[in-house]
């Protein structure tokens, strides 16, 4: 089975955008729980000193755009590599 590189890249980018937005809203609505989840992902690293949940800003947009673009590139590259291995 061959992967369509652009379709896979588009799906990867869209998925990352959805996850990014979900995380941003989770931080806004549930900051304490979000900090606990983040701490658990980073093996107990204390995030309190660097945790600065803010409203939507340029950092949010920069993060969203860069995450989506990198996911698209990563998805395209993954599909390309996958297709090379299936030949």
N, C-alpha and C. Protein backbone atom coordinates (compact mmCIF):
# COMPACT_ATOMS: atom_id res chain seq x y z
N UNK A 1 0.84 -1.18 0.00
CA UNK A 1 0.00 0.00 0.00
C UNK A 1 0.89 1.24 0.00
N UNK A 2 0.60 2.15 -0.89
CA UNK A 2 1.35 3.39 -0.98
C UNK A 2 0.57 4.50 -0.29
N UNK A 3 1.29 5.33 0.46
CA UNK A 3 0.67 6.50 1.10
C UNK A 3 0.73 7.68 0.15
N UNK A 4 -0.35 8.43 0.08
CA UNK A 4 -0.34 9.68 -0.67
C UNK A 4 0.30 10.73 0.23
N UNK A 5 1.46 11.20 -0.19
CA UNK A 5 2.27 12.07 0.67
C UNK A 5 1.55 13.35 1.08
N UNK A 6 0.92 14.03 0.13
CA UNK A 6 0.24 15.28 0.47
C UNK A 6 -0.97 15.05 1.37
N UNK A 7 -1.71 13.98 1.12
CA UNK A 7 -2.87 13.68 1.97
C UNK A 7 -2.43 13.35 3.39
N UNK A 8 -1.37 12.57 3.52
CA UNK A 8 -0.86 12.22 4.85
C UNK A 8 -0.33 13.46 5.56
N UNK A 9 0.38 14.32 4.81
CA UNK A 9 0.90 15.55 5.39
C UNK A 9 -0.23 16.47 5.84
N UNK A 10 -1.27 16.58 5.01
CA UNK A 10 -2.42 17.42 5.39
C UNK A 10 -3.11 16.89 6.64
N UNK A 11 -3.27 15.56 6.72
CA UNK A 11 -3.91 14.96 7.90
C UNK A 11 -3.05 15.19 9.14
N UNK A 12 -1.74 15.07 9.00
CA UNK A 12 -0.83 15.30 10.14
C UNK A 12 -0.93 16.74 10.62
N UNK A 13 -0.93 17.68 9.69
CA UNK A 13 -1.00 19.09 10.05
C UNK A 13 -2.34 19.43 10.71
N UNK A 14 -3.43 18.92 10.16
CA UNK A 14 -4.74 19.18 10.74
C UNK A 14 -4.84 18.59 12.14
N UNK A 15 -4.36 17.37 12.29
CA UNK A 15 -4.39 16.72 13.61
C UNK A 15 -3.59 17.55 14.63
N UNK A 16 -2.41 18.01 14.25
CA UNK A 16 -1.60 18.81 15.17
C UNK A 16 -2.30 20.11 15.52
N UNK A 17 -2.95 20.74 14.54
CA UNK A 17 -3.69 21.97 14.82
C UNK A 17 -4.80 21.74 15.83
N UNK A 18 -5.51 20.64 15.68
CA UNK A 18 -6.59 20.31 16.62
C UNK A 18 -6.04 20.05 18.01
N UNK A 19 -4.97 19.28 18.10
CA UNK A 19 -4.35 18.99 19.40
C UNK A 19 -3.85 20.28 20.04
N UNK A 20 -3.21 21.15 19.25
CA UNK A 20 -2.68 22.40 19.77
C UNK A 20 -3.80 23.28 20.33
N UNK A 21 -4.89 23.40 19.58
CA UNK A 21 -6.02 24.20 20.06
C UNK A 21 -6.65 23.60 21.31
N UNK A 22 -6.79 22.26 21.34
CA UNK A 22 -7.33 21.59 22.51
C UNK A 22 -6.47 21.89 23.73
N UNK A 23 -5.15 21.78 23.57
CA UNK A 23 -4.25 22.04 24.69
C UNK A 23 -4.37 23.49 25.16
N UNK A 24 -4.47 24.42 24.23
CA UNK A 24 -4.56 25.83 24.60
C UNK A 24 -5.84 26.11 25.39
N UNK A 25 -6.95 25.53 24.94
CA UNK A 25 -8.19 25.73 25.66
C UNK A 25 -8.18 25.01 27.01
N UNK A 26 -7.54 23.85 27.07
CA UNK A 26 -7.43 23.12 28.34
C UNK A 26 -6.63 23.95 29.35
N UNK A 27 -5.56 24.59 28.89
CA UNK A 27 -4.76 25.43 29.80
C UNK A 27 -5.58 26.62 30.27
N UNK A 28 -6.36 27.21 29.39
CA UNK A 28 -7.17 28.37 29.76
C UNK A 28 -8.28 27.99 30.74
N UNK A 29 -8.91 26.83 30.51
CA UNK A 29 -10.05 26.42 31.34
C UNK A 29 -9.65 25.67 32.61
N UNK A 30 -8.58 24.90 32.54
CA UNK A 30 -8.16 24.06 33.65
C UNK A 30 -6.65 24.18 33.88
N UNK A 31 -6.18 25.34 34.33
CA UNK A 31 -4.73 25.54 34.45
C UNK A 31 -4.06 24.59 35.44
N UNK A 32 -4.69 24.31 36.56
CA UNK A 32 -4.10 23.41 37.55
C UNK A 32 -3.95 21.99 37.02
N UNK A 33 -5.00 21.48 36.42
CA UNK A 33 -4.96 20.14 35.85
C UNK A 33 -3.96 20.07 34.70
N UNK A 34 -3.94 21.12 33.88
CA UNK A 34 -2.99 21.15 32.76
C UNK A 34 -1.56 21.12 33.25
N UNK A 35 -1.28 21.84 34.34
CA UNK A 35 0.08 21.82 34.90
C UNK A 35 0.43 20.44 35.44
N UNK A 36 -0.53 19.78 36.08
CA UNK A 36 -0.28 18.42 36.59
C UNK A 36 0.00 17.45 35.45
N UNK A 37 -0.77 17.53 34.38
CA UNK A 37 -0.55 16.64 33.24
C UNK A 37 0.82 16.91 32.63
N UNK A 38 1.16 18.18 32.44
CA UNK A 38 2.46 18.53 31.88
C UNK A 38 3.58 18.02 32.77
N UNK A 39 3.44 18.20 34.06
CA UNK A 39 4.45 17.71 35.00
C UNK A 39 4.61 16.20 34.89
N UNK A 40 3.50 15.48 34.71
CA UNK A 40 3.60 14.02 34.60
C UNK A 40 4.31 13.61 33.31
N UNK A 41 4.10 14.37 32.24
CA UNK A 41 4.77 14.06 30.96
C UNK A 41 6.27 14.33 31.04
N UNK A 42 6.67 15.29 31.87
CA UNK A 42 8.08 15.63 32.01
C UNK A 42 8.68 15.03 33.28
N UNK A 43 8.16 13.89 33.70
CA UNK A 43 8.71 13.09 34.80
C UNK A 43 8.86 13.89 36.09
N UNK A 44 7.87 14.70 36.40
CA UNK A 44 7.86 15.43 37.65
C UNK A 44 8.60 16.75 37.64
N UNK A 45 9.12 17.18 36.51
CA UNK A 45 9.83 18.44 36.42
C UNK A 45 8.90 19.56 36.88
N UNK A 46 9.37 20.40 37.80
CA UNK A 46 8.52 21.45 38.35
C UNK A 46 8.36 22.59 37.35
N UNK A 47 7.17 22.72 36.83
CA UNK A 47 6.88 23.72 35.80
C UNK A 47 6.41 25.06 36.41
N UNK A 48 6.23 25.12 37.72
CA UNK A 48 5.63 26.30 38.35
C UNK A 48 6.39 27.59 38.06
N UNK A 49 7.69 27.55 38.01
CA UNK A 49 8.48 28.77 37.80
C UNK A 49 8.43 29.28 36.36
N UNK A 50 8.12 28.40 35.42
CA UNK A 50 8.09 28.83 34.02
C UNK A 50 6.69 28.77 33.42
N UNK A 51 5.71 28.36 34.20
CA UNK A 51 4.34 28.21 33.73
C UNK A 51 3.68 29.58 33.68
N UNK A 52 3.34 30.04 32.49
CA UNK A 52 2.71 31.35 32.35
C UNK A 52 1.53 31.26 31.39
N UNK A 53 0.42 30.65 31.84
CA UNK A 53 -0.73 30.60 30.94
C UNK A 53 -1.26 32.01 30.71
N UNK A 54 -1.34 32.40 29.46
CA UNK A 54 -1.82 33.74 29.10
C UNK A 54 -2.99 33.61 28.15
N UNK A 55 -3.55 34.74 27.85
CA UNK A 55 -4.60 34.75 26.83
C UNK A 55 -3.95 34.59 25.46
N UNK A 56 -4.79 34.52 24.42
CA UNK A 56 -4.25 34.37 23.08
C UNK A 56 -3.30 35.52 22.76
N UNK A 57 -2.19 35.19 22.17
CA UNK A 57 -1.18 36.20 21.87
C UNK A 57 -0.39 35.77 20.65
N UNK A 58 0.64 36.57 20.34
CA UNK A 58 1.50 36.21 19.21
C UNK A 58 2.23 34.90 19.48
N UNK A 59 2.53 34.60 20.74
CA UNK A 59 3.17 33.32 21.05
C UNK A 59 2.25 32.16 20.69
N UNK A 60 0.96 32.33 20.94
CA UNK A 60 0.01 31.29 20.58
C UNK A 60 0.01 31.08 19.07
N UNK A 61 -0.07 32.16 18.32
CA UNK A 61 -0.10 32.05 16.86
C UNK A 61 1.20 31.49 16.31
N UNK A 62 2.33 31.93 16.84
CA UNK A 62 3.62 31.40 16.41
C UNK A 62 3.71 29.91 16.70
N UNK A 63 3.28 29.51 17.88
CA UNK A 63 3.29 28.09 18.23
C UNK A 63 2.38 27.27 17.35
N UNK A 64 1.17 27.77 17.10
CA UNK A 64 0.22 27.07 16.25
C UNK A 64 0.75 26.91 14.83
N UNK A 65 1.22 28.00 14.25
CA UNK A 65 1.71 27.95 12.88
C UNK A 65 2.94 27.05 12.77
N UNK A 66 3.90 27.20 13.68
CA UNK A 66 5.11 26.38 13.59
C UNK A 66 4.80 24.91 13.82
N UNK A 67 3.89 24.58 14.74
CA UNK A 67 3.53 23.18 14.99
C UNK A 67 2.85 22.58 13.77
N UNK A 68 1.94 23.33 13.15
CA UNK A 68 1.22 22.82 11.98
C UNK A 68 2.18 22.64 10.80
N UNK A 69 3.04 23.62 10.56
CA UNK A 69 3.99 23.52 9.44
C UNK A 69 4.94 22.35 9.66
N UNK A 70 5.50 22.24 10.84
CA UNK A 70 6.43 21.13 11.11
C UNK A 70 5.73 19.78 11.04
N UNK A 71 4.48 19.72 11.44
CA UNK A 71 3.72 18.47 11.32
C UNK A 71 3.47 18.12 9.87
N UNK A 72 3.20 19.13 9.05
CA UNK A 72 2.99 18.88 7.62
C UNK A 72 4.27 18.34 7.00
N UNK A 73 5.38 18.99 7.27
CA UNK A 73 6.67 18.54 6.73
C UNK A 73 6.99 17.14 7.24
N UNK A 74 6.80 16.92 8.53
CA UNK A 74 7.06 15.59 9.09
C UNK A 74 6.16 14.52 8.51
N UNK A 75 4.89 14.83 8.31
CA UNK A 75 3.97 13.88 7.71
C UNK A 75 4.33 13.55 6.28
N UNK A 76 4.70 14.58 5.51
CA UNK A 76 5.11 14.37 4.13
C UNK A 76 6.37 13.51 4.08
N UNK A 77 7.34 13.83 4.92
CA UNK A 77 8.59 13.08 4.96
C UNK A 77 8.36 11.63 5.39
N UNK A 78 7.50 11.43 6.39
CA UNK A 78 7.18 10.08 6.83
C UNK A 78 6.58 9.27 5.69
N UNK A 79 5.61 9.85 4.97
CA UNK A 79 4.97 9.14 3.86
C UNK A 79 5.98 8.85 2.75
N UNK A 80 6.86 9.78 2.46
CA UNK A 80 7.88 9.58 1.44
C UNK A 80 8.80 8.43 1.81
N UNK A 81 9.27 8.43 3.07
CA UNK A 81 10.15 7.35 3.54
C UNK A 81 9.41 6.02 3.52
N UNK A 82 8.16 6.01 3.99
CA UNK A 82 7.35 4.80 3.99
C UNK A 82 7.23 4.24 2.58
N UNK A 83 6.93 5.11 1.62
CA UNK A 83 6.79 4.67 0.23
C UNK A 83 8.10 4.11 -0.32
N UNK A 84 9.23 4.67 0.08
CA UNK A 84 10.52 4.15 -0.36
C UNK A 84 10.74 2.73 0.18
N UNK A 85 10.34 2.49 1.41
CA UNK A 85 10.52 1.16 2.01
C UNK A 85 9.57 0.12 1.44
N UNK A 86 8.43 0.54 0.92
CA UNK A 86 7.47 -0.43 0.39
C UNK A 86 7.78 -0.85 -1.04
N UNK A 87 8.75 -0.22 -1.66
CA UNK A 87 9.11 -0.60 -3.04
C UNK A 87 9.95 -1.85 -3.07
